[in-house]
Amino acid sequence: RFLASGHMTVLEAAQAAVQLSDNGATNLLLREIGGPAAMTQYFRKIGDSVSRLDRKEPEMSDNTPGDLRDTTTPIAMARTVAKVLYGGALTSTST
């Protein structure tokens, strides 16, 4: 359906990324927000000093032992998700 129209809305891309694990849609969303570095900057802005996104798919799936690119920890991700859902990390302009 998206190939036929040649575009996706942000909502459609988010749904495809979450519901279908669509890496192409994830890359479109990353581009929309300014790339992996912008995502890492957002993590820092909301107090997450651990999580980082350095590459887009499929490169981020290349995991070399000891490579810290594109990583987080369970506790950092749990805290970040809690801030997004309950702690005011989103504003009316970001939703």
PDB file of N, CA and C in Angstrom:
ATOM      1  N   ARG A   1       0.826  -1.195   0.000  1.00  0.00           N
ATOM      2  CA  ARG A   1       0.000   0.000   0.000  1.00  0.00           C
ATOM      3  C   ARG A   1       0.862   1.247   0.000  1.00  0.00           C
ATOM      4  N   PHE A   2       1.941   1.275   0.807  1.00  0.00           N
ATOM      5  CA  PHE A   2       2.780   2.464   0.871  1.00  0.00           C
ATOM      6  C   PHE A   2       3.646   2.602  -0.371  1.00  0.00           C
ATOM      7  N   LEU A   3       4.078   1.477  -0.919  1.00  0.00           N
ATOM      8  CA  LEU A   3       4.874   1.532  -2.139  1.00  0.00           C
ATOM      9  C   LEU A   3       4.070   2.121  -3.283  1.00  0.00           C
ATOM     10  N   ALA A   4       2.797   1.799  -3.356  1.00  0.00           N
ATOM     11  CA  ALA A   4       1.952   2.307  -4.431  1.00  0.00           C
ATOM     12  C   ALA A   4       1.788   3.819  -4.346  1.00  0.00           C
ATOM     13  N   SER A   5       1.661   4.340  -3.124  1.00  0.00           N
ATOM     14  CA  SER A   5       1.466   5.784  -2.967  1.00  0.00           C
ATOM     15  C   SER A   5       2.780   6.543  -2.929  1.00  0.00           C
ATOM     16  N   GLY A   6       3.860   5.865  -2.564  1.00  0.00           N
ATOM     17  CA  GLY A   6       5.167   6.515  -2.531  1.00  0.00           C
ATOM     18  C   GLY A   6       5.441   7.327  -1.287  1.00  0.00           C
ATOM     19  N   HIS A   7       4.572   7.248  -0.286  1.00  0.00           N
ATOM     20  CA  HIS A   7       4.819   7.996   0.950  1.00  0.00           C
ATOM     21  C   HIS A   7       4.099   7.346   2.128  1.00  0.00           C
ATOM     22  N   MET A   8       4.527   7.753   3.315  1.00  0.00           N
ATOM     23  CA  MET A   8       3.885   7.339   4.562  1.00  0.00           C
ATOM     24  C   MET A   8       3.745   8.572   5.432  1.00  0.00           C
ATOM     25  N   THR A   9       2.672   8.642   6.186  1.00  0.00           N
ATOM     26  CA  THR A   9       2.570   9.692   7.191  1.00  0.00           C
ATOM     27  C   THR A   9       3.432   9.290   8.386  1.00  0.00           C
ATOM     28  N   VAL A  10       3.683  10.219   9.270  1.00  0.00           N
ATOM     29  CA  VAL A  10       4.438   9.902  10.484  1.00  0.00           C
ATOM     30  C   VAL A  10       3.687   8.847  11.291  1.00  0.00           C
ATOM     31  N   LEU A  11       2.376   8.982  11.392  1.00  0.00           N
ATOM     32  CA  LEU A  11       1.582   7.992  12.125  1.00  0.00           C
ATOM     33  C   LEU A  11       1.707   6.612  11.485  1.00  0.00           C
ATOM     34  N   GLU A  12       1.606   6.540  10.172  1.00  0.00           N
ATOM     35  CA  GLU A  12       1.734   5.253   9.486  1.00  0.00           C
ATOM     36  C   GLU A  12       3.123   4.652   9.689  1.00  0.00           C
ATOM     37  N   ALA A  13       4.148   5.498   9.640  1.00  0.00           N
ATOM     38  CA  ALA A  13       5.514   5.006   9.854  1.00  0.00           C
ATOM     39  C   ALA A  13       5.679   4.492  11.280  1.00  0.00           C
ATOM     40  N   ALA A  14       5.135   5.218  12.249  1.00  0.00           N
ATOM     41  CA  ALA A  14       5.229   4.776  13.647  1.00  0.00           C
ATOM     42  C   ALA A  14       4.496   3.456  13.845  1.00  0.00           C
ATOM     43  N   GLN A  15       3.325   3.324  13.257  1.00  0.00           N
ATOM     44  CA  GLN A  15       2.584   2.068  13.371  1.00  0.00           C
ATOM     45  C   GLN A  15       3.353   0.921  12.729  1.00  0.00           C
ATOM     46  N   ALA A  16       3.916   1.151  11.554  1.00  0.00           N
ATOM     47  CA  ALA A  16       4.677   0.098  10.873  1.00  0.00           C
ATOM     48  C   ALA A  16       5.920  -0.277  11.676  1.00  0.00           C
ATOM     49  N   ALA A  17       6.584   0.721  12.251  1.00  0.00           N
ATOM     50  CA  ALA A  17       7.790   0.449  13.036  1.00  0.00           C
ATOM     51  C   ALA A  17       7.466  -0.404  14.260  1.00  0.00           C
ATOM     52  N   VAL A  18       6.389  -0.074  14.953  1.00  0.00           N
ATOM     53  CA  VAL A  18       6.043  -0.777  16.192  1.00  0.00           C
ATOM     54  C   VAL A  18       5.327  -2.101  15.919  1.00  0.00           C
ATOM     55  N   GLN A  19       4.324  -2.064  15.075  1.00  0.00           N
ATOM     56  CA  GLN A  19       3.489  -3.252  14.865  1.00  0.00           C
ATOM     57  C   GLN A  19       4.129  -4.292  13.955  1.00  0.00           C
ATOM     58  N   LEU A  20       4.923  -3.843  12.987  1.00  0.00           N
ATOM     59  CA  LEU A  20       5.484  -4.758  11.994  1.00  0.00           C
ATOM     60  C   LEU A  20       6.999  -4.893  12.078  1.00  0.00           C
ATOM     61  N   SER A  21       7.612  -4.209  13.035  1.00  0.00           N
ATOM     62  CA  SER A  21       9.080  -4.166  13.122  1.00  0.00           C
ATOM     63  C   SER A  21       9.686  -3.749  11.791  1.00  0.00           C
ATOM     64  N   ASP A  22       9.084  -2.756  11.163  1.00  0.00           N
ATOM     65  CA  ASP A  22       9.498  -2.279   9.847  1.00  0.00           C
ATOM     66  C   ASP A  22      10.693  -1.340  10.001  1.00  0.00           C
ATOM     67  N   ASN A  23      11.885  -1.846   9.696  1.00  0.00           N
ATOM     68  CA  ASN A  23      13.102  -1.052   9.862  1.00  0.00           C
ATOM     69  C   ASN A  23      13.157   0.134   8.910  1.00  0.00           C
ATOM     70  N   GLY A  24      12.603  -0.016   7.718  1.00  0.00           N
ATOM     71  CA  GLY A  24      12.548   1.111   6.786  1.00  0.00           C
ATOM     72  C   GLY A  24      11.718   2.247   7.349  1.00  0.00           C
ATOM     73  N   ALA A  25      10.595   1.913   7.976  1.00  0.00           N
ATOM     74  CA  ALA A  25       9.756   2.932   8.605  1.00  0.00           C
ATOM     75  C   ALA A  25      10.492   3.584   9.768  1.00  0.00           C
ATOM     76  N   THR A  26      11.234   2.784  10.521  1.00  0.00           N
ATOM     77  CA  THR A  26      12.036   3.336  11.616  1.00  0.00           C
ATOM     78  C   THR A  26      13.053   4.333  11.082  1.00  0.00           C
ATOM     79  N   ASN A  27      13.701   3.997   9.984  1.00  0.00           N
ATOM     80  CA  ASN A  27      14.668   4.913   9.381  1.00  0.00           C
ATOM     81  C   ASN A  27      13.999   6.201   8.910  1.00  0.00           C
ATOM     82  N   LEU A  28      12.786   6.106   8.368  1.00  0.00           N
ATOM     83  CA  LEU A  28      12.053   7.313   7.968  1.00  0.00           C
ATOM     84  C   LEU A  28      11.778   8.201   9.176  1.00  0.00           C
ATOM     85  N   LEU A  29      11.373   7.595  10.284  1.00  0.00           N
ATOM     86  CA  LEU A  29      11.117   8.372  11.501  1.00  0.00           C
ATOM     87  C   LEU A  29      12.395   9.012  12.021  1.00  0.00           C
ATOM     88  N   LEU A  30      13.490   8.264  11.995  1.00  0.00           N
ATOM     89  CA  LEU A  30      14.773   8.833  12.427  1.00  0.00           C
ATOM     90  C   LEU A  30      15.153  10.035  11.575  1.00  0.00           C
ATOM     91  N   ARG A  31      14.960   9.911  10.270  1.00  0.00           N
ATOM     92  CA  ARG A  31      15.273  11.033   9.381  1.00  0.00           C
ATOM     93  C   ARG A  31      14.405  12.238   9.719  1.00  0.00           C
ATOM     94  N   GLU A  32      13.146  11.991  10.027  1.00  0.00           N
ATOM     95  CA  GLU A  32      12.206  13.068  10.350  1.00  0.00           C
ATOM     96  C   GLU A  32      12.632  13.855  11.591  1.00  0.00           C
ATOM     97  N   ILE A  33      13.239  13.187  12.562  1.00  0.00           N
ATOM     98  CA  ILE A  33      13.629  13.881  13.795  1.00  0.00           C
ATOM     99  C   ILE A  33      15.066  14.393  13.771  1.00  0.00           C
ATOM    100  N   GLY A  34      15.803  14.103  12.698  1.00  0.00           N
ATOM    101  CA  GLY A  34      17.171  14.613  12.602  1.00  0.00           C
ATOM    102  C   GLY A  34      18.246  13.550  12.670  1.00  0.00           C
ATOM    103  N   GLY A  35      17.856  12.284  12.643  1.00  0.00           N
ATOM    104  CA  GLY A  35      18.831  11.201  12.610  1.00  0.00           C
ATOM    105  C   GLY A  35      19.144  10.630  13.977  1.00  0.00           C
ATOM    106  N   PRO A  36      19.996   9.614  13.994  1.00  0.00           N
ATOM    107  CA  PRO A  36      20.357   8.959  15.252  1.00  0.00           C
ATOM    108  C   PRO A  36      20.934   9.914  16.299  1.00  0.00           C
ATOM    109  N   ALA A  37      21.742  10.865  15.875  1.00  0.00           N
ATOM    110  CA  ALA A  37      22.331  11.806  16.839  1.00  0.00           C
ATOM    111  C   ALA A  37      21.251  12.622  17.544  1.00  0.00           C
ATOM    112  N   ALA A  38      20.200  12.977  16.827  1.00  0.00           N
ATOM    113  CA  ALA A  38      19.102  13.728  17.438  1.00  0.00           C
ATOM    114  C   ALA A  38      18.376  12.883  18.480  1.00  0.00           C
ATOM    115  N   MET A  39      18.264  11.587  18.231  1.00  0.00           N
ATOM    116  CA  MET A  39      17.638  10.699  19.217  1.00  0.00           C
ATOM    117  C   MET A  39      18.483  10.637  20.478  1.00  0.00           C
ATOM    118  N   THR A  40      19.801  10.519  20.303  1.00  0.00           N
ATOM    119  CA  THR A  40      20.699  10.511  21.460  1.00  0.00           C
ATOM    120  C   THR A  40      20.611  11.833  22.216  1.00  0.00           C
ATOM    121  N   GLN A  41      20.533  12.951  21.496  1.00  0.00           N
ATOM    122  CA  GLN A  41      20.383  14.253  22.156  1.00  0.00           C
ATOM    123  C   GLN A  41      19.095  14.297  22.974  1.00  0.00           C
ATOM    124  N   TYR A  42      18.025  13.714  22.451  1.00  0.00           N
ATOM    125  CA  TYR A  42      16.767  13.676  23.195  1.00  0.00           C
ATOM    126  C   TYR A  42      16.919  12.849  24.463  1.00  0.00           C
ATOM    127  N   PHE A  43      17.587  11.708  24.354  1.00  0.00           N
ATOM    128  CA  PHE A  43      17.846  10.917  25.558  1.00  0.00           C
ATOM    129  C   PHE A  43      18.535  11.778  26.613  1.00  0.00           C
ATOM    130  N   ARG A  44      19.572  12.511  26.211  1.00  0.00           N
ATOM    131  CA  ARG A  44      20.307  13.351  27.164  1.00  0.00           C
ATOM    132  C   ARG A  44      19.403  14.431  27.745  1.00  0.00           C
ATOM    133  N   LYS A  45      18.581  15.032  26.903  1.00  0.00           N
ATOM    134  CA  LYS A  45      17.686  16.114  27.334  1.00  0.00           C
ATOM    135  C   LYS A  45      16.740  15.655  28.439  1.00  0.00           C
ATOM    136  N   ILE A  46      16.300  14.400  28.374  1.00  0.00           N
ATOM    137  CA  ILE A  46      15.361  13.922  29.398  1.00  0.00           C
ATOM    138  C   ILE A  46      16.070  13.181  30.530  1.00  0.00           C
ATOM    139  N   GLY A  47      17.395  13.279  30.565  1.00  0.00           N
ATOM    140  CA  GLY A  47      18.146  12.748  31.695  1.00  0.00           C
ATOM    141  C   GLY A  47      18.707  11.351  31.540  1.00  0.00           C
ATOM    142  N   ASP A  48      18.628  10.789  30.345  1.00  0.00           N
ATOM    143  CA  ASP A  48      19.186   9.454  30.098  1.00  0.00           C
ATOM    144  C   ASP A  48      20.610   9.626  29.581  1.00  0.00           C
ATOM    145  N   SER A  49      21.576   9.345  30.433  1.00  0.00           N
ATOM    146  CA  SER A  49      22.985   9.508  30.052  1.00  0.00           C
ATOM    147  C   SER A  49      23.599   8.211  29.535  1.00  0.00           C
ATOM    148  N   VAL A  50      22.789   7.172  29.391  1.00  0.00           N
ATOM    149  CA  VAL A  50      23.295   5.855  28.999  1.00  0.00           C
ATOM    150  C   VAL A  50      22.919   5.497  27.561  1.00  0.00           C
ATOM    151  N   SER A  51      21.646   5.618  27.231  1.00  0.00           N
ATOM    152  CA  SER A  51      21.154   5.183  25.921  1.00  0.00           C
ATOM    153  C   SER A  51      21.762   6.024  24.812  1.00  0.00           C
ATOM    154  N   ARG A  52      22.046   5.351  23.703  1.00  0.00           N
ATOM    155  CA  ARG A  52      22.610   6.069  22.561  1.00  0.00           C
ATOM    156  C   ARG A  52      22.211   5.377  21.267  1.00  0.00           C
ATOM    157  N   LEU A  53      21.993   6.181  20.260  1.00  0.00           N
ATOM    158  CA  LEU A  53      21.696   5.680  18.930  1.00  0.00           C
ATOM    159  C   LEU A  53      22.690   6.341  17.991  1.00  0.00           C
ATOM    160  N   ASP A  54      23.470   5.528  17.315  1.00  0.00           N
ATOM    161  CA  ASP A  54      24.535   6.041  16.467  1.00  0.00           C
ATOM    162  C   ASP A  54      24.321   5.774  14.985  1.00  0.00           C
ATOM    163  N   ARG A  55      23.563   4.744  14.672  1.00  0.00           N
ATOM    164  CA  ARG A  55      23.386   4.348  13.277  1.00  0.00           C
ATOM    165  C   ARG A  55      21.922   4.021  13.027  1.00  0.00           C
ATOM    166  N   LYS A  56      21.565   3.956  11.763  1.00  0.00           N
ATOM    167  CA  LYS A  56      20.223   3.511  11.407  1.00  0.00           C
ATOM    168  C   LYS A  56      20.293   2.061  10.958  1.00  0.00           C
ATOM    169  N   GLU A  57      19.137   1.478  10.692  1.00  0.00           N
ATOM    170  CA  GLU A  57      19.078   0.100  10.207  1.00  0.00           C
ATOM    171  C   GLU A  57      19.548   0.043   8.756  1.00  0.00           C
ATOM    172  N   PRO A  58      20.192  -1.008   8.329  1.00  0.00           N
ATOM    173  CA  PRO A  58      20.490  -2.235   9.054  1.00  0.00           C
ATOM    174  C   PRO A  58      21.814  -2.188   9.810  1.00  0.00           C
ATOM    175  N   GLU A  59      22.565  -1.090   9.698  1.00  0.00           N
ATOM    176  CA  GLU A  59      23.888  -1.015  10.319  1.00  0.00           C
ATOM    177  C   GLU A  59      23.839  -1.198  11.829  1.00  0.00           C
ATOM    178  N   MET A  60      22.782  -0.695  12.475  1.00  0.00           N
ATOM    179  CA  MET A  60      22.738  -0.790  13.939  1.00  0.00           C
ATOM    180  C   MET A  60      22.601  -2.228  14.429  1.00  0.00           C
ATOM    181  N   SER A  61      22.248  -3.128  13.549  1.00  0.00           N
ATOM    182  CA  SER A  61      22.117  -4.537  13.942  1.00  0.00           C
ATOM    183  C   SER A  61      23.441  -5.281  13.929  1.00  0.00           C
ATOM    184  N   ASP A  62      24.489  -4.635  13.465  1.00  0.00           N
ATOM    185  CA  ASP A  62      25.824  -5.247  13.446  1.00  0.00           C
ATOM    186  C   ASP A  62      26.440  -5.073  14.827  1.00  0.00           C
ATOM    187  N   ASN A  63      26.398  -6.114  15.616  1.00  0.00           N
ATOM    188  CA  ASN A  63      26.851  -6.046  17.005  1.00  0.00           C
ATOM    189  C   ASN A  63      28.220  -6.687  17.146  1.00  0.00           C
ATOM    190  N   THR A  64      29.211  -5.869  17.400  1.00  0.00           N
ATOM    191  CA  THR A  64      30.555  -6.356  17.662  1.00  0.00           C
ATOM    192  C   THR A  64      30.766  -6.327  19.173  1.00  0.00           C
ATOM    193  N   PRO A  65      31.265  -7.403  19.765  1.00  0.00           N
ATOM    194  CA  PRO A  65      31.486  -7.409  21.213  1.00  0.00           C
ATOM    195  C   PRO A  65      32.293  -6.184  21.666  1.00  0.00           C
ATOM    196  N   GLY A  66      31.805  -5.517  22.692  1.00  0.00           N
ATOM    197  CA  GLY A  66      32.479  -4.351  23.239  1.00  0.00           C
ATOM    198  C   GLY A  66      32.114  -3.038  22.573  1.00  0.00           C
ATOM    199  N   ASP A  67      31.392  -3.081  21.463  1.00  0.00           N
ATOM    200  CA  ASP A  67      30.989  -1.870  20.747  1.00  0.00           C
ATOM    201  C   ASP A  67      29.802  -1.251  21.477  1.00  0.00           C
ATOM    202  N   LEU A  68      29.945  -0.023  21.928  1.00  0.00           N
ATOM    203  CA  LEU A  68      28.888   0.638  22.691  1.00  0.00           C
ATOM    204  C   LEU A  68      27.889   1.383  21.822  1.00  0.00           C
ATOM    205  N   ARG A  69      28.122   1.425  20.507  1.00  0.00           N
ATOM    206  CA  ARG A  69      27.171   2.121  19.640  1.00  0.00           C
ATOM    207  C   ARG A  69      25.806   1.449  19.714  1.00  0.00           C
ATOM    208  N   ASP A  70      24.779   2.274  19.646  1.00  0.00           N
ATOM    209  CA  ASP A  70      23.403   1.789  19.584  1.00  0.00           C
ATOM    210  C   ASP A  70      23.043   0.898  20.772  1.00  0.00           C
ATOM    211  N   THR A  71      23.399   1.340  21.972  1.00  0.00           N
ATOM    212  CA  THR A  71      23.158   0.525  23.158  1.00  0.00           C
ATOM    213  C   THR A  71      22.404   1.296  24.240  1.00  0.00           C
ATOM    214  N   THR A  72      21.906   0.540  25.177  1.00  0.00           N
ATOM    215  CA  THR A  72      21.293   1.057  26.389  1.00  0.00           C
ATOM    216  C   THR A  72      21.412  -0.040  27.436  1.00  0.00           C
ATOM    217  N   THR A  73      20.819   0.178  28.577  1.00  0.00           N
ATOM    218  CA  THR A  73      20.720  -0.865  29.595  1.00  0.00           C
ATOM    219  C   THR A  73      19.244  -1.026  29.933  1.00  0.00           C
ATOM    220  N   PRO A  74      18.870  -2.146  30.521  1.00  0.00           N
ATOM    221  CA  PRO A  74      17.458  -2.315  30.891  1.00  0.00           C
ATOM    222  C   PRO A  74      16.955  -1.202  31.814  1.00  0.00           C
ATOM    223  N   ILE A  75      17.744  -0.817  32.799  1.00  0.00           N
ATOM    224  CA  ILE A  75      17.280   0.210  33.741  1.00  0.00           C
ATOM    225  C   ILE A  75      17.183   1.577  33.064  1.00  0.00           C
ATOM    226  N   ALA A  76      18.132   1.896  32.187  1.00  0.00           N
ATOM    227  CA  ALA A  76      18.068   3.176  31.477  1.00  0.00           C
ATOM    228  C   ALA A  76      16.829   3.232  30.594  1.00  0.00           C
ATOM    229  N   MET A  77      16.543   2.154  29.885  1.00  0.00           N
ATOM    230  CA  MET A  77      15.368   2.144  29.017  1.00  0.00           C
ATOM    231  C   MET A  77      14.088   2.202  29.833  1.00  0.00           C
ATOM    232  N   ALA A  78      14.033   1.493  30.945  1.00  0.00           N
ATOM    233  CA  ALA A  78      12.837   1.537  31.796  1.00  0.00           C
ATOM    234  C   ALA A  78      12.600   2.951  32.316  1.00  0.00           C
ATOM    235  N   ARG A  79      13.650   3.616  32.735  1.00  0.00           N
ATOM    236  CA  ARG A  79      13.512   4.993  33.233  1.00  0.00           C
ATOM    237  C   ARG A  79      13.083   5.940  32.121  1.00  0.00           C
ATOM    238  N   THR A  80      13.641   5.762  30.934  1.00  0.00           N
ATOM    239  CA  THR A  80      13.282   6.617  29.809  1.00  0.00           C
ATOM    240  C   THR A  80      11.825   6.408  29.420  1.00  0.00           C
ATOM    241  N   VAL A  81      11.393   5.165  29.346  1.00  0.00           N
ATOM    242  CA  VAL A  81       9.991   4.884  29.012  1.00  0.00           C
ATOM    243  C   VAL A  81       9.072   5.481  30.076  1.00  0.00           C
ATOM    244  N   ALA A  82       9.434   5.361  31.336  1.00  0.00           N
ATOM    245  CA  ALA A  82       8.621   5.945  32.409  1.00  0.00           C
ATOM    246  C   ALA A  82       8.536   7.459  32.265  1.00  0.00           C
ATOM    247  N   LYS A  83       9.644   8.106  31.922  1.00  0.00           N
ATOM    248  CA  LYS A  83       9.623   9.565  31.731  1.00  0.00           C
ATOM    249  C   LYS A  83       8.734   9.953  30.560  1.00  0.00           C
ATOM    250  N   VAL A  84       8.802   9.185  29.486  1.00  0.00           N
ATOM    251  CA  VAL A  84       7.972   9.483  28.316  1.00  0.00           C
ATOM    252  C   VAL A  84       6.494   9.271  28.647  1.00  0.00           C
ATOM    253  N   LEU A  85       6.176   8.192  29.322  1.00  0.00           N
ATOM    254  CA  LEU A  85       4.773   7.886  29.601  1.00  0.00           C
ATOM    255  C   LEU A  85       4.186   8.702  30.741  1.00  0.00           C
ATOM    256  N   TYR A  86       4.969   8.936  31.797  1.00  0.00           N
ATOM    257  CA  TYR A  86       4.414   9.530  33.014  1.00  0.00           C
ATOM    258  C   TYR A  86       5.123  10.783  33.516  1.00  0.00           C
ATOM    259  N   GLY A  87       6.312  11.063  32.999  1.00  0.00           N
ATOM    260  CA  GLY A  87       7.120  12.104  33.598  1.00  0.00           C
ATOM    261  C   GLY A  87       7.222  13.415  32.861  1.00  0.00           C
ATOM    262  N   GLY A  88       6.367  13.642  31.880  1.00  0.00           N
ATOM    263  CA  GLY A  88       6.375  14.926  31.204  1.00  0.00           C
ATOM    264  C   GLY A  88       7.445  15.096  30.148  1.00  0.00           C
ATOM    265  N   ALA A  89       8.035  14.001  29.670  1.00  0.00           N
ATOM    266  CA  ALA A  89       9.063  14.113  28.634  1.00  0.00           C
ATOM    267  C   ALA A  89       8.473  14.521  27.291  1.00  0.00           C
ATOM    268  N   LEU A  90       7.168  14.315  27.116  1.00  0.00           N
ATOM    269  CA  LEU A  90       6.493  14.744  25.895  1.00  0.00           C
ATOM    270  C   LEU A  90       5.717  16.020  26.175  1.00  0.00           C
ATOM    271  N   THR A  91       5.670  16.878  25.190  1.00  0.00           N
ATOM    272  CA  THR A  91       4.895  18.110  25.295  1.00  0.00           C
ATOM    273  C   THR A  91       3.744  18.042  24.302  1.00  0.00           C
ATOM    274  N   SER A  92       2.852  19.006  24.363  1.00  0.00           N
ATOM    275  CA  SER A  92       1.724  19.009  23.427  1.00  0.00           C
ATOM    276  C   SER A  92       2.201  19.151  21.986  1.00  0.00           C
ATOM    277  N   THR A  93       3.343  19.776  21.766  1.00  0.00           N
ATOM    278  CA  THR A  93       3.860  19.912  20.400  1.00  0.00           C
ATOM    279  C   THR A  93       4.575  18.660  19.923  1.00  0.00           C
ATOM    280  N   SER A  94       4.943  17.777  20.838  1.00  0.00           N
ATOM    281  CA  SER A  94       5.661  16.567  20.428  1.00  0.00           C
ATOM    282  C   SER A  94       4.746  15.363  20.286  1.00  0.00           C
ATOM    283  N   THR A  95       3.479  15.513  20.623  1.00  0.00           N
ATOM    284  CA  THR A  95       2.561  14.370  20.523  1.00  0.00           C
ATOM    285  C   THR A  95       1.591  14.526  19.380  1.00  0.00           C
TER     286      THR A  95
END
